[in-house]
Amino acid sequence: MIDHLGIIVRDFEASKAFYDKAMAPLGASLLMMVPAEYTGGAKVGGYGRDRPTFWLHEAADTGPGRHYAFTARSRAEVDAFHAAAIAAGGRDNGAPGLRPHYHPDYYGAFVFDPDGNNVEAVCHTPE
């Protein structure tokens, strides 16, 4: 149902470094930077697998933390996402594992990004 979404980040380069590493295991990467003349000088970039679907927009006020979940194609991708996000400076908010209180096949992992957003990778298929 969601076509794309964006978050506000305080330090674009720090967030880009984090998401470059955290998204790689999910097969996603930075696909586009919006030219500064269209953003009023703010850095805006979009991540995705085949088109930009997750956007970072640099601004001074990030507001309260949010929760974003990204689809993983396997439990191994969830594990790799968590490891990459931690290695990139993310803070653990839930190691990879089953979350049967959501659904019997719900396998997810959670990290806080540099701005305190709760970022998740989740696989809904049985291993």
C-alpha atoms as a PDB file:
ATOM      1  CA  MET A   1       0.000   0.000   0.000  1.00  0.00           C
ATOM      2  CA  ILE A   2       2.872   2.423   0.668  1.00  0.00           C
ATOM      3  CA  ASP A   3       4.585   3.676  -2.494  1.00  0.00           C
ATOM      4  CA  HIS A   4       7.420   5.515  -0.743  1.00  0.00           C
ATOM      5  CA  LEU A   5       8.238   7.291   2.507  1.00  0.00           C
ATOM      6  CA  GLY A   6      10.806   9.692   3.825  1.00  0.00           C
ATOM      7  CA  ILE A   7      12.434  10.603   7.082  1.00  0.00           C
ATOM      8  CA  ILE A   8      14.182  13.715   8.351  1.00  0.00           C
ATOM      9  CA  VAL A   9      17.847  13.277   9.303  1.00  0.00           C
ATOM     10  CA  ARG A  10      20.053  15.762  11.110  1.00  0.00           C
ATOM     11  CA  ASP A  11      23.384  14.763   9.516  1.00  0.00           C
ATOM     12  CA  PHE A  12      22.845  13.494   5.972  1.00  0.00           C
ATOM     13  CA  GLU A  13      26.353  12.086   5.544  1.00  0.00           C
ATOM     14  CA  ALA A  14      26.225  10.145   8.832  1.00  0.00           C
ATOM     15  CA  SER A  15      22.773   8.794   7.980  1.00  0.00           C
ATOM     16  CA  LYS A  16      23.872   7.949   4.436  1.00  0.00           C
ATOM     17  CA  ALA A  17      26.849   5.993   5.792  1.00  0.00           C
ATOM     18  CA  PHE A  18      24.521   4.092   8.132  1.00  0.00           C
ATOM     19  CA  TYR A  19      21.847   3.326   5.527  1.00  0.00           C
ATOM     20  CA  ASP A  20      24.397   2.445   2.817  1.00  0.00           C
ATOM     21  CA  LYS A  21      25.566  -0.414   5.035  1.00  0.00           C
ATOM     22  CA  ALA A  22      22.219  -1.340   6.606  1.00  0.00           C
ATOM     23  CA  MET A  23      20.354  -1.507   3.282  1.00  0.00           C
ATOM     24  CA  ALA A  24      22.974  -3.488   1.349  1.00  0.00           C
ATOM     25  CA  PRO A  25      21.951  -6.882   2.820  1.00  0.00           C
ATOM     26  CA  LEU A  26      18.368  -6.163   1.725  1.00  0.00           C
ATOM     27  CA  GLY A  27      19.500  -5.551  -1.860  1.00  0.00           C
ATOM     28  CA  ALA A  28      18.808  -1.804  -1.623  1.00  0.00           C
ATOM     29  CA  SER A  29      21.117   1.138  -2.210  1.00  0.00           C
ATOM     30  CA  LEU A  30      21.083   4.893  -2.714  1.00  0.00           C
ATOM     31  CA  LEU A  31      19.590   5.281  -6.193  1.00  0.00           C
ATOM     32  CA  MET A  32      19.037   9.014  -6.481  1.00  0.00           C
ATOM     33  CA  MET A  33      20.065  12.371  -5.093  1.00  0.00           C
ATOM     34  CA  VAL A  34      17.656  15.223  -5.747  1.00  0.00           C
ATOM     35  CA  PRO A  35      19.501  18.245  -7.177  1.00  0.00           C
ATOM     36  CA  ALA A  36      19.936  20.991  -4.576  1.00  0.00           C
ATOM     37  CA  GLU A  37      18.104  23.534  -6.729  1.00  0.00           C
ATOM     38  CA  TYR A  38      14.904  21.526  -6.158  1.00  0.00           C
ATOM     39  CA  THR A  39      15.335  21.131  -2.388  1.00  0.00           C
ATOM     40  CA  GLY A  40      16.306  24.604  -1.283  1.00  0.00           C
ATOM     41  CA  GLY A  41      19.843  23.356  -0.699  1.00  0.00           C
ATOM     42  CA  ALA A  42      18.924  20.416   1.556  1.00  0.00           C
ATOM     43  CA  LYS A  43      20.439  17.018   0.834  1.00  0.00           C
ATOM     44  CA  VAL A  44      17.713  14.574  -0.238  1.00  0.00           C
ATOM     45  CA  GLY A  45      18.423  11.034  -1.402  1.00  0.00           C
ATOM     46  CA  GLY A  46      16.327   7.974  -2.174  1.00  0.00           C
ATOM     47  CA  TYR A  47      17.068   4.292  -1.467  1.00  0.00           C
ATOM     48  CA  GLY A  48      15.492   1.260  -3.059  1.00  0.00           C
ATOM     49  CA  ARG A  49      15.984  -1.966  -4.990  1.00  0.00           C
ATOM     50  CA  ASP A  50      14.760  -0.850  -8.417  1.00  0.00           C
ATOM     51  CA  ARG A  51      13.412   2.650  -7.682  1.00  0.00           C
ATOM     52  CA  PRO A  52      13.691   5.068  -4.758  1.00  0.00           C
ATOM     53  CA  THR A  53      11.142   4.173  -2.074  1.00  0.00           C
ATOM     54  CA  PHE A  54      12.858   5.290   1.149  1.00  0.00           C
ATOM     55  CA  TRP A  55      14.019   8.893   1.286  1.00  0.00           C
ATOM     56  CA  LEU A  56      16.401  10.777   3.586  1.00  0.00           C
ATOM     57  CA  HIS A  57      15.871  14.543   3.851  1.00  0.00           C
ATOM     58  CA  GLU A  58      18.392  16.592   5.801  1.00  0.00           C
ATOM     59  CA  ALA A  59      16.914  19.151   8.215  1.00  0.00           C
ATOM     60  CA  ALA A  60      17.856  20.639  11.578  1.00  0.00           C
ATOM     61  CA  ASP A  61      14.814  19.326  13.468  1.00  0.00           C
ATOM     62  CA  THR A  62      14.269  15.578  13.144  1.00  0.00           C
ATOM     63  CA  GLY A  63      11.302  15.427  15.506  1.00  0.00           C
ATOM     64  CA  PRO A  64      10.523  12.383  17.615  1.00  0.00           C
ATOM     65  CA  GLY A  65      11.788   8.940  16.608  1.00  0.00           C
ATOM     66  CA  ARG A  66       9.703   6.837  14.273  1.00  0.00           C
ATOM     67  CA  HIS A  67       9.452   3.161  13.284  1.00  0.00           C
ATOM     68  CA  TYR A  68      10.185   1.902   9.758  1.00  0.00           C
ATOM     69  CA  ALA A  69      10.134  -1.735   8.673  1.00  0.00           C
ATOM     70  CA  PHE A  70      11.745  -2.979   5.470  1.00  0.00           C
ATOM     71  CA  THR A  71      10.839  -6.237   3.752  1.00  0.00           C
ATOM     72  CA  ALA A  72      13.561  -8.860   3.725  1.00  0.00           C
ATOM     73  CA  ARG A  73      13.342 -11.711   1.247  1.00  0.00           C
ATOM     74  CA  SER A  74      14.748 -14.244   3.731  1.00  0.00           C
ATOM     75  CA  ARG A  75      15.634 -14.665   7.378  1.00  0.00           C
ATOM     76  CA  ALA A  76      19.292 -14.564   6.341  1.00  0.00           C
ATOM     77  CA  GLU A  77      18.710 -11.045   4.970  1.00  0.00           C
ATOM     78  CA  VAL A  78      17.221 -10.026   8.338  1.00  0.00           C
ATOM     79  CA  ASP A  79      20.307 -11.380  10.114  1.00  0.00           C
ATOM     80  CA  ALA A  80      22.657  -9.628   7.665  1.00  0.00           C
ATOM     81  CA  PHE A  81      20.714  -6.341   7.959  1.00  0.00           C
ATOM     82  CA  HIS A  82      21.020  -6.389  11.757  1.00  0.00           C
ATOM     83  CA  ALA A  83      24.754  -7.177  11.656  1.00  0.00           C
ATOM     84  CA  ALA A  84      25.429  -4.493   9.035  1.00  0.00           C
ATOM     85  CA  ALA A  85      23.358  -1.876  10.870  1.00  0.00           C
ATOM     86  CA  ILE A  86      25.165  -2.561  14.166  1.00  0.00           C
ATOM     87  CA  ALA A  87      28.550  -2.459  12.397  1.00  0.00           C
ATOM     88  CA  ALA A  88      27.515   0.887  10.868  1.00  0.00           C
ATOM     89  CA  GLY A  89      26.938   2.390  14.326  1.00  0.00           C
ATOM     90  CA  GLY A  90      23.300   1.503  14.901  1.00  0.00           C
ATOM     91  CA  ARG A  91      22.142   0.594  18.405  1.00  0.00           C
ATOM     92  CA  ASP A  92      20.485  -2.768  18.952  1.00  0.00           C
ATOM     93  CA  ASN A  93      16.768  -2.647  19.635  1.00  0.00           C
ATOM     94  CA  GLY A  94      15.975  -6.346  19.173  1.00  0.00           C
ATOM     95  CA  ALA A  95      18.189  -9.102  17.824  1.00  0.00           C
ATOM     96  CA  PRO A  96      17.038 -11.193  14.853  1.00  0.00           C
ATOM     97  CA  GLY A  97      14.422 -13.741  15.816  1.00  0.00           C
ATOM     98  CA  LEU A  98      10.853 -14.907  15.633  1.00  0.00           C
ATOM     99  CA  ARG A  99       8.186 -12.600  16.998  1.00  0.00           C
ATOM    100  CA  PRO A 100       5.244 -15.059  17.281  1.00  0.00           C
ATOM    101  CA  HIS A 101       3.216 -12.492  19.241  1.00  0.00           C
ATOM    102  CA  TYR A 102       2.876 -10.642  15.879  1.00  0.00           C
ATOM    103  CA  HIS A 103       2.499 -13.705  13.634  1.00  0.00           C
ATOM    104  CA  PRO A 104       3.925 -17.267  13.736  1.00  0.00           C
ATOM    105  CA  ASP A 105       6.257 -16.586  10.764  1.00  0.00           C
ATOM    106  CA  TYR A 106       7.244 -13.019  11.745  1.00  0.00           C
ATOM    107  CA  TYR A 107      11.067 -12.929  11.811  1.00  0.00           C
ATOM    108  CA  GLY A 108      12.506  -9.486  12.470  1.00  0.00           C
ATOM    109  CA  ALA A 109      15.411  -7.457  13.806  1.00  0.00           C
ATOM    110  CA  PHE A 110      15.442  -3.885  15.111  1.00  0.00           C
ATOM    111  CA  VAL A 111      18.073  -1.136  15.384  1.00  0.00           C
ATOM    112  CA  PHE A 112      18.079   2.558  16.206  1.00  0.00           C
ATOM    113  CA  ASP A 113      19.593   4.694  13.423  1.00  0.00           C
ATOM    114  CA  PRO A 114      21.776   7.792  14.102  1.00  0.00           C
ATOM    115  CA  ASP A 115      18.650   9.927  14.690  1.00  0.00           C
ATOM    116  CA  GLY A 116      16.942   7.453  17.026  1.00  0.00           C
ATOM    117  CA  ASN A 117      14.498   6.033  14.469  1.00  0.00           C
ATOM    118  CA  ASN A 118      13.565   2.405  15.141  1.00  0.00           C
ATOM    119  CA  VAL A 119      14.472   0.624  11.894  1.00  0.00           C
ATOM    120  CA  GLU A 120      13.457  -2.971  11.258  1.00  0.00           C
ATOM    121  CA  ALA A 121      13.972  -5.674   8.670  1.00  0.00           C
ATOM    122  CA  VAL A 122      11.258  -8.354   8.620  1.00  0.00           C
ATOM    123  CA  CYS A 123      10.637 -11.588   6.749  1.00  0.00           C
ATOM    124  CA  HIS A 124       7.162 -13.127   6.794  1.00  0.00           C
ATOM    125  CA  THR A 125       7.962 -16.470   5.184  1.00  0.00           C
ATOM    126  CA  PRO A 126       8.894 -19.656   7.024  1.00  0.00           C
ATOM    127  CA  GLU A 127      12.550 -20.624   6.697  1.00  0.00           C
END
